[in-house]
Amino acid sequence: MESKPPISDGKKNSQTAGEPEALGTILATIGDTTWRMFVPSVGFTLLGVWADVQLDTKPWLMVVGIVVGCTGAALLVKKQISGIKSRKESTK
C-alpha cells in the first residue's frame, strides 16, 4: 500500500516562514557591525603608525590613532543600534 504525501493548504508554517529573511538580516547586521568596528579602529591605528614614522614621535600618534579609532567605532555602532531600534519601533 502506498502512503500519500500530506495535503498542504498552501500556507507556510509560521515558525519557518521568516527564517531565511531573519538569517539574512542577522548576517547583514553582523557584516555592517564588523566594518563599523574594523575600519575606524585599524585605519586610525595604521594612520598613527605612519605619522609616528614620518614625524619620529613613536608611539604617541599611534596611541592617539587607537583612541580616536575606537571612539569612532563605538559611535558608529551606537548609531547603528539606535537605527535598528527606531526601525523596530516603527514596524510595531
N, C-alpha and C. Protein backbone atom coordinates (compact mmCIF):
# COMPACT_ATOMS: atom_id res chain seq x y z
N MET A 1 0.83 -1.16 0.00
CA MET A 1 0.00 0.00 0.00
C MET A 1 0.89 1.25 0.00
N GLU A 2 0.60 2.19 -0.88
CA GLU A 2 1.39 3.41 -0.98
C GLU A 2 0.89 4.44 0.02
N SER A 3 1.87 5.15 0.61
CA SER A 3 1.46 6.24 1.51
C SER A 3 1.40 7.53 0.71
N LYS A 4 0.39 8.28 0.93
CA LYS A 4 0.20 9.53 0.21
C LYS A 4 0.89 10.66 0.97
N PRO A 5 1.44 11.63 0.24
CA PRO A 5 2.03 12.78 0.93
C PRO A 5 0.95 13.60 1.60
N PRO A 6 1.30 14.28 2.69
CA PRO A 6 0.27 15.08 3.37
C PRO A 6 -0.24 16.19 2.47
N ILE A 7 -1.48 16.48 2.63
CA ILE A 7 -2.11 17.54 1.85
C ILE A 7 -1.75 18.88 2.46
N SER A 8 -1.29 19.78 1.61
CA SER A 8 -0.90 21.10 2.08
C SER A 8 -1.99 22.10 1.74
N ASP A 9 -2.19 23.04 2.64
CA ASP A 9 -3.20 24.07 2.38
C ASP A 9 -2.59 25.27 1.66
N GLY A 10 -1.28 25.19 1.32
CA GLY A 10 -0.63 26.27 0.60
C GLY A 10 -0.06 27.34 1.49
N LYS A 11 -0.27 27.24 2.80
CA LYS A 11 0.25 28.22 3.73
C LYS A 11 1.54 27.69 4.34
N LYS A 12 2.47 28.59 4.57
CA LYS A 12 3.73 28.21 5.21
C LYS A 12 3.54 28.13 6.71
N ASN A 13 4.34 27.29 7.31
CA ASN A 13 4.35 27.19 8.76
C ASN A 13 4.84 28.52 9.33
N SER A 14 4.18 29.05 10.32
CA SER A 14 4.55 30.36 10.87
C SER A 14 5.92 30.34 11.54
N GLN A 15 6.38 29.19 11.99
CA GLN A 15 7.69 29.11 12.64
C GLN A 15 8.81 29.17 11.63
N THR A 16 8.63 28.63 10.43
CA THR A 16 9.70 28.60 9.44
C THR A 16 9.53 29.62 8.33
N ALA A 17 8.44 30.34 8.33
CA ALA A 17 8.17 31.26 7.23
C ALA A 17 9.19 32.38 7.14
N GLY A 18 9.65 32.94 8.24
CA GLY A 18 10.54 34.08 8.22
C GLY A 18 12.00 33.75 8.45
N GLU A 19 12.35 32.48 8.56
CA GLU A 19 13.72 32.11 8.89
C GLU A 19 14.75 32.56 7.87
N PRO A 20 14.57 32.36 6.56
CA PRO A 20 15.59 32.82 5.62
C PRO A 20 15.78 34.34 5.66
N GLU A 21 14.68 35.08 5.79
CA GLU A 21 14.79 36.53 5.86
C GLU A 21 15.48 36.96 7.14
N ALA A 22 15.15 36.29 8.24
CA ALA A 22 15.77 36.63 9.53
C ALA A 22 17.25 36.33 9.50
N LEU A 23 17.64 35.22 8.91
CA LEU A 23 19.05 34.86 8.81
C LEU A 23 19.80 35.88 7.97
N GLY A 24 19.20 36.31 6.87
CA GLY A 24 19.81 37.33 6.03
C GLY A 24 19.98 38.65 6.77
N THR A 25 18.97 39.00 7.56
CA THR A 25 19.05 40.23 8.34
C THR A 25 20.15 40.15 9.38
N ILE A 26 20.26 39.00 10.03
CA ILE A 26 21.29 38.82 11.05
C ILE A 26 22.68 38.89 10.41
N LEU A 27 22.88 38.22 9.29
CA LEU A 27 24.18 38.24 8.62
C LEU A 27 24.53 39.64 8.13
N ALA A 28 23.54 40.36 7.62
CA ALA A 28 23.78 41.73 7.17
C ALA A 28 24.16 42.63 8.34
N THR A 29 23.51 42.44 9.48
CA THR A 29 23.82 43.23 10.66
C THR A 29 25.23 42.93 11.16
N ILE A 30 25.60 41.65 11.15
CA ILE A 30 26.96 41.27 11.58
C ILE A 30 28.00 41.90 10.65
N GLY A 31 27.76 41.82 9.35
CA GLY A 31 28.69 42.43 8.40
C GLY A 31 28.78 43.93 8.56
N ASP A 32 27.66 44.58 8.77
CA ASP A 32 27.63 46.03 8.95
C ASP A 32 28.37 46.43 10.23
N THR A 33 28.15 45.69 11.29
CA THR A 33 28.83 45.98 12.55
C THR A 33 30.33 45.75 12.43
N THR A 34 30.72 44.71 11.70
CA THR A 34 32.14 44.39 11.55
C THR A 34 32.89 45.54 10.88
N TRP A 35 32.36 46.06 9.77
CA TRP A 35 33.09 47.14 9.12
C TRP A 35 33.09 48.41 9.97
N ARG A 36 32.00 48.64 10.71
CA ARG A 36 31.93 49.83 11.56
C ARG A 36 32.97 49.78 12.68
N MET A 37 33.35 48.59 13.11
CA MET A 37 34.36 48.46 14.16
C MET A 37 35.77 48.36 13.58
N PHE A 38 35.92 47.64 12.47
CA PHE A 38 37.22 47.35 11.92
C PHE A 38 37.86 48.54 11.23
N VAL A 39 37.15 49.19 10.36
CA VAL A 39 37.72 50.26 9.53
C VAL A 39 38.23 51.43 10.37
N PRO A 40 37.45 52.01 11.27
CA PRO A 40 37.99 53.14 12.03
C PRO A 40 39.13 52.75 12.97
N SER A 41 38.96 51.65 13.69
CA SER A 41 39.99 51.30 14.68
C SER A 41 41.31 50.93 14.01
N VAL A 42 41.28 50.07 13.01
CA VAL A 42 42.52 49.69 12.33
C VAL A 42 43.03 50.83 11.46
N GLY A 43 42.14 51.53 10.80
CA GLY A 43 42.56 52.63 9.93
C GLY A 43 43.27 53.74 10.68
N PHE A 44 42.69 54.19 11.78
CA PHE A 44 43.34 55.25 12.55
C PHE A 44 44.60 54.77 13.25
N THR A 45 44.65 53.50 13.62
CA THR A 45 45.87 52.96 14.21
C THR A 45 47.00 52.96 13.18
N LEU A 46 46.71 52.50 11.98
CA LEU A 46 47.73 52.50 10.93
C LEU A 46 48.13 53.91 10.52
N LEU A 47 47.17 54.81 10.52
CA LEU A 47 47.48 56.21 10.23
C LEU A 47 48.41 56.77 11.30
N GLY A 48 48.15 56.41 12.56
CA GLY A 48 49.02 56.86 13.65
C GLY A 48 50.41 56.28 13.56
N VAL A 49 50.53 55.01 13.17
CA VAL A 49 51.84 54.39 12.99
C VAL A 49 52.60 55.09 11.87
N TRP A 50 51.92 55.35 10.77
CA TRP A 50 52.56 56.04 9.65
C TRP A 50 53.03 57.44 10.07
N ALA A 51 52.17 58.16 10.80
CA ALA A 51 52.53 59.51 11.24
C ALA A 51 53.70 59.47 12.22
N ASP A 52 53.75 58.43 13.08
CA ASP A 52 54.88 58.29 14.00
C ASP A 52 56.18 58.11 13.25
N VAL A 53 56.17 57.33 12.18
CA VAL A 53 57.39 57.13 11.40
C VAL A 53 57.79 58.42 10.70
N GLN A 54 56.82 59.13 10.17
CA GLN A 54 57.12 60.37 9.45
C GLN A 54 57.62 61.48 10.38
N LEU A 55 57.04 61.57 11.57
CA LEU A 55 57.35 62.68 12.48
C LEU A 55 58.26 62.28 13.63
N ASP A 56 58.66 61.02 13.69
CA ASP A 56 59.53 60.48 14.74
C ASP A 56 58.96 60.78 16.13
N THR A 57 57.70 60.43 16.32
CA THR A 57 57.03 60.65 17.61
C THR A 57 56.60 59.34 18.25
N LYS A 58 57.24 58.26 17.87
CA LYS A 58 56.85 56.92 18.31
C LYS A 58 56.64 56.87 19.81
N PRO A 59 55.64 56.30 20.35
CA PRO A 59 54.40 55.68 19.89
C PRO A 59 53.19 56.58 20.06
N TRP A 60 53.37 57.87 20.27
CA TRP A 60 52.27 58.74 20.69
C TRP A 60 51.16 58.89 19.68
N LEU A 61 51.48 59.06 18.42
CA LEU A 61 50.41 59.23 17.43
C LEU A 61 49.67 57.91 17.17
N MET A 62 50.37 56.78 17.36
CA MET A 62 49.68 55.50 17.25
C MET A 62 48.64 55.37 18.37
N VAL A 63 49.02 55.78 19.58
CA VAL A 63 48.09 55.73 20.71
C VAL A 63 46.90 56.64 20.45
N VAL A 64 47.16 57.82 19.92
CA VAL A 64 46.08 58.74 19.58
C VAL A 64 45.19 58.11 18.51
N GLY A 65 45.79 57.45 17.52
CA GLY A 65 45.02 56.78 16.48
C GLY A 65 44.14 55.68 17.04
N ILE A 66 44.67 54.92 18.01
CA ILE A 66 43.87 53.86 18.64
C ILE A 66 42.67 54.45 19.36
N VAL A 67 42.91 55.51 20.13
CA VAL A 67 41.82 56.14 20.90
C VAL A 67 40.77 56.73 19.96
N VAL A 68 41.22 57.45 18.96
CA VAL A 68 40.28 58.07 18.01
C VAL A 68 39.52 56.99 17.23
N GLY A 69 40.22 55.95 16.80
CA GLY A 69 39.58 54.87 16.04
C GLY A 69 38.55 54.12 16.86
N CYS A 70 38.91 53.79 18.09
CA CYS A 70 37.96 53.05 18.95
C CYS A 70 36.76 53.92 19.32
N THR A 71 36.99 55.20 19.55
CA THR A 71 35.88 56.11 19.84
C THR A 71 34.95 56.24 18.63
N GLY A 72 35.55 56.39 17.46
CA GLY A 72 34.74 56.47 16.24
C GLY A 72 33.96 55.20 16.00
N ALA A 73 34.60 54.04 16.23
CA ALA A 73 33.91 52.77 16.06
C ALA A 73 32.74 52.64 17.03
N ALA A 74 32.95 53.05 18.28
CA ALA A 74 31.88 52.97 19.27
C ALA A 74 30.71 53.87 18.88
N LEU A 75 31.01 55.06 18.37
CA LEU A 75 29.93 55.97 17.95
C LEU A 75 29.17 55.42 16.75
N LEU A 76 29.89 54.80 15.80
CA LEU A 76 29.21 54.22 14.64
C LEU A 76 28.32 53.05 15.04
N VAL A 77 28.78 52.21 15.95
CA VAL A 77 27.96 51.08 16.40
C VAL A 77 26.76 51.58 17.19
N LYS A 78 26.96 52.61 18.01
CA LYS A 78 25.84 53.19 18.75
C LYS A 78 24.78 53.75 17.80
N LYS A 79 25.23 54.40 16.74
CA LYS A 79 24.31 54.93 15.73
C LYS A 79 23.57 53.79 15.03
N GLN A 80 24.28 52.70 14.75
CA GLN A 80 23.65 51.54 14.12
C GLN A 80 22.58 50.95 15.02
N ILE A 81 22.88 50.80 16.30
CA ILE A 81 21.93 50.22 17.25
C ILE A 81 20.69 51.10 17.38
N SER A 82 20.89 52.42 17.46
CA SER A 82 19.73 53.30 17.57
C SER A 82 18.89 53.25 16.29
N GLY A 83 19.53 53.08 15.13
CA GLY A 83 18.77 52.95 13.88
C GLY A 83 17.95 51.66 13.85
N ILE A 84 18.54 50.58 14.35
CA ILE A 84 17.81 49.31 14.41
C ILE A 84 16.62 49.43 15.35
N LYS A 85 16.84 50.07 16.50
CA LYS A 85 15.74 50.23 17.47
C LYS A 85 14.62 51.07 16.88
N SER A 86 14.95 52.15 16.18
CA SER A 86 13.92 53.01 15.62
C SER A 86 13.15 52.30 14.51
N ARG A 87 13.84 51.48 13.71
CA ARG A 87 13.14 50.71 12.66
C ARG A 87 12.22 49.67 13.28
N LYS A 88 12.68 49.06 14.36
CA LYS A 88 11.86 48.03 15.04
C LYS A 88 10.61 48.66 15.64
N GLU A 89 10.76 49.86 16.24
CA GLU A 89 9.62 50.54 16.85
C GLU A 89 8.63 51.02 15.79
N SER A 90 9.13 51.40 14.63
CA SER A 90 8.23 51.91 13.59
C SER A 90 7.43 50.78 12.94
N THR A 91 7.89 49.54 13.04
CA THR A 91 7.15 48.43 12.47
C THR A 91 6.09 47.87 13.41
N LYS A 92 6.10 48.30 14.65
CA LYS A 92 5.10 47.80 15.61
C LYS A 92 3.78 48.45 15.42
